[in-house]
Amino acid sequence: MKKMKPKLILLATVLIGFVLGFLVSGQMTKHEMNEIMRWGTEDGFKEIVTEAIEPTPGQETQVNAIIDKYAGLNGELHDKWKKEHGELMRALTAELSTILTPGQMENWNKQGQHKK
């Protein structure tokens, strides 16, 4: 029993480390994805740019006007990309549907990216 105790402690430590690493990695990935999603919204874009440049009180009016302009353009670009990407994926799906088996199409449809 004395020889098993260190092995069990080592195994428990490794398992705890694995679980903690998995959870931390998941949270970091989630945070990064949220940041990417923020760039696609006008409010998120404004927040990110404002946080990055930290305008002084004397700069705020001018800086906010510029950021507002580009936030709108960024939002339009994001919407255009989503529309064009959706069209591309629908065209891809249509062309693949003439070749793929029903099972392959089912797998493709589970992805859901091309349905939007």
Protein backbone atom coordinates (compact mmCIF):
# COMPACT_ATOMS: atom_id res chain seq x y z
CA MET A 1 0.00 0.00 0.00
CA LYS A 2 2.89 2.37 0.74
CA LYS A 3 4.14 1.99 -2.86
CA MET A 4 0.69 2.75 -4.31
CA LYS A 5 0.13 6.00 -2.41
CA PRO A 6 2.76 8.08 -4.30
CA LYS A 7 1.50 6.71 -7.62
CA LEU A 8 -2.09 7.63 -6.77
CA ILE A 9 -1.02 11.12 -5.69
CA LEU A 10 0.91 11.57 -8.93
CA LEU A 11 -2.04 10.30 -10.99
CA ALA A 12 -4.47 12.60 -9.15
CA THR A 13 -2.13 15.57 -9.67
CA VAL A 14 -1.84 14.84 -13.38
CA LEU A 15 -5.61 14.49 -13.72
CA ILE A 16 -6.26 17.72 -11.83
CA GLY A 17 -3.68 19.50 -14.02
CA PHE A 18 -5.29 18.13 -17.16
CA VAL A 19 -8.77 19.25 -16.11
CA LEU A 20 -7.57 22.71 -15.06
CA GLY A 21 -5.62 23.10 -18.31
CA PHE A 22 -8.68 22.08 -20.32
CA LEU A 23 -10.89 24.59 -18.49
CA VAL A 24 -8.40 27.45 -18.76
CA SER A 25 -7.84 26.76 -22.45
CA GLY A 26 -11.60 26.77 -23.04
CA GLN A 27 -12.02 30.09 -21.26
CA MET A 28 -9.16 31.65 -23.23
CA THR A 29 -10.65 30.45 -26.50
CA LYS A 30 -14.06 31.78 -25.52
CA HIS A 31 -12.55 35.16 -24.64
CA GLU A 32 -10.75 35.37 -28.00
CA MET A 33 -13.92 34.45 -29.90
CA ASN A 34 -15.86 37.13 -28.03
CA GLU A 35 -13.24 39.70 -29.03
CA ILE A 36 -13.52 38.65 -32.67
CA MET A 37 -17.31 38.94 -32.48
CA ARG A 38 -17.02 42.43 -30.93
CA TRP A 39 -15.11 43.67 -33.98
CA GLY A 40 -18.15 42.88 -36.13
CA THR A 41 -20.52 45.18 -34.25
CA GLU A 42 -20.47 48.97 -34.36
CA ASP A 43 -20.55 49.32 -30.58
CA GLY A 44 -17.86 46.67 -30.11
CA PHE A 45 -15.68 48.31 -32.75
CA LYS A 46 -16.02 51.68 -31.01
CA GLU A 47 -15.17 50.18 -27.63
CA ILE A 48 -12.10 48.32 -28.89
CA VAL A 49 -10.68 51.31 -30.75
CA THR A 50 -11.41 53.71 -27.90
CA GLU A 51 -9.83 51.35 -25.35
CA ALA A 52 -6.74 51.00 -27.53
CA ILE A 53 -6.07 54.70 -28.10
CA GLU A 54 -7.34 56.10 -24.78
CA PRO A 55 -8.15 59.59 -26.07
CA THR A 56 -7.57 62.52 -23.78
CA PRO A 57 -10.60 64.64 -22.82
CA GLY A 58 -9.46 67.24 -25.34
CA GLN A 59 -9.36 64.64 -28.13
CA GLU A 60 -12.64 62.86 -27.36
CA THR A 61 -14.95 64.85 -29.63
CA GLN A 62 -12.74 64.61 -32.70
CA VAL A 63 -11.70 61.01 -32.04
CA ASN A 64 -15.30 59.88 -31.45
CA ALA A 65 -16.41 61.45 -34.73
CA ILE A 66 -13.71 59.55 -36.61
CA ILE A 67 -14.41 56.29 -34.77
CA ASP A 68 -18.15 56.64 -35.43
CA LYS A 69 -17.47 57.05 -39.15
CA TYR A 70 -15.28 53.96 -39.33
CA ALA A 71 -17.52 51.93 -37.04
CA GLY A 72 -20.32 52.43 -39.57
CA LEU A 73 -18.05 51.47 -42.46
CA ASN A 74 -16.80 48.44 -40.53
CA GLY A 75 -20.40 47.36 -39.84
CA GLU A 76 -21.28 47.69 -43.52
CA LEU A 77 -18.21 45.68 -44.50
CA HIS A 78 -19.07 42.98 -41.98
CA ASP A 79 -22.67 42.76 -43.26
CA LYS A 80 -21.44 42.60 -46.86
CA TRP A 81 -18.99 39.83 -45.99
CA LYS A 82 -21.71 37.80 -44.24
CA LYS A 83 -24.01 38.15 -47.25
CA GLU A 84 -21.32 37.24 -49.78
CA HIS A 85 -20.07 34.37 -47.65
CA GLY A 86 -23.63 33.00 -47.40
CA GLU A 87 -24.01 33.19 -51.19
CA LEU A 88 -20.69 31.41 -51.66
CA MET A 89 -21.64 28.62 -49.27
CA ARG A 90 -25.07 28.15 -50.91
CA ALA A 91 -23.41 27.90 -54.33
CA LEU A 92 -20.89 25.40 -52.96
CA THR A 93 -23.69 23.33 -51.45
CA ALA A 94 -25.67 23.33 -54.68
CA GLU A 95 -22.67 22.16 -56.68
CA LEU A 96 -21.69 19.51 -54.14
CA SER A 97 -25.25 18.17 -53.98
CA THR A 98 -24.92 16.88 -57.55
CA ILE A 99 -21.95 14.69 -56.58
CA LEU A 100 -22.21 13.73 -52.91
CA THR A 101 -24.14 10.83 -51.44
CA PRO A 102 -27.10 11.53 -49.17
CA GLY A 103 -24.95 10.62 -46.15
CA GLN A 104 -22.24 13.04 -47.19
CA MET A 105 -24.82 15.78 -47.74
CA GLU A 106 -26.25 15.08 -44.31
CA ASN A 107 -22.78 15.51 -42.79
CA TRP A 108 -22.31 18.73 -44.74
CA ASN A 109 -25.73 20.05 -43.71
CA LYS A 110 -24.86 19.42 -40.05
CA GLN A 111 -22.15 22.06 -40.40
CA GLY A 112 -24.93 24.63 -40.90
CA GLN A 113 -22.60 27.32 -42.21
CA HIS A 114 -24.16 27.40 -45.66
CA LYS A 115 -27.78 27.66 -44.53
CA LYS A 116 -27.59 31.29 -43.43
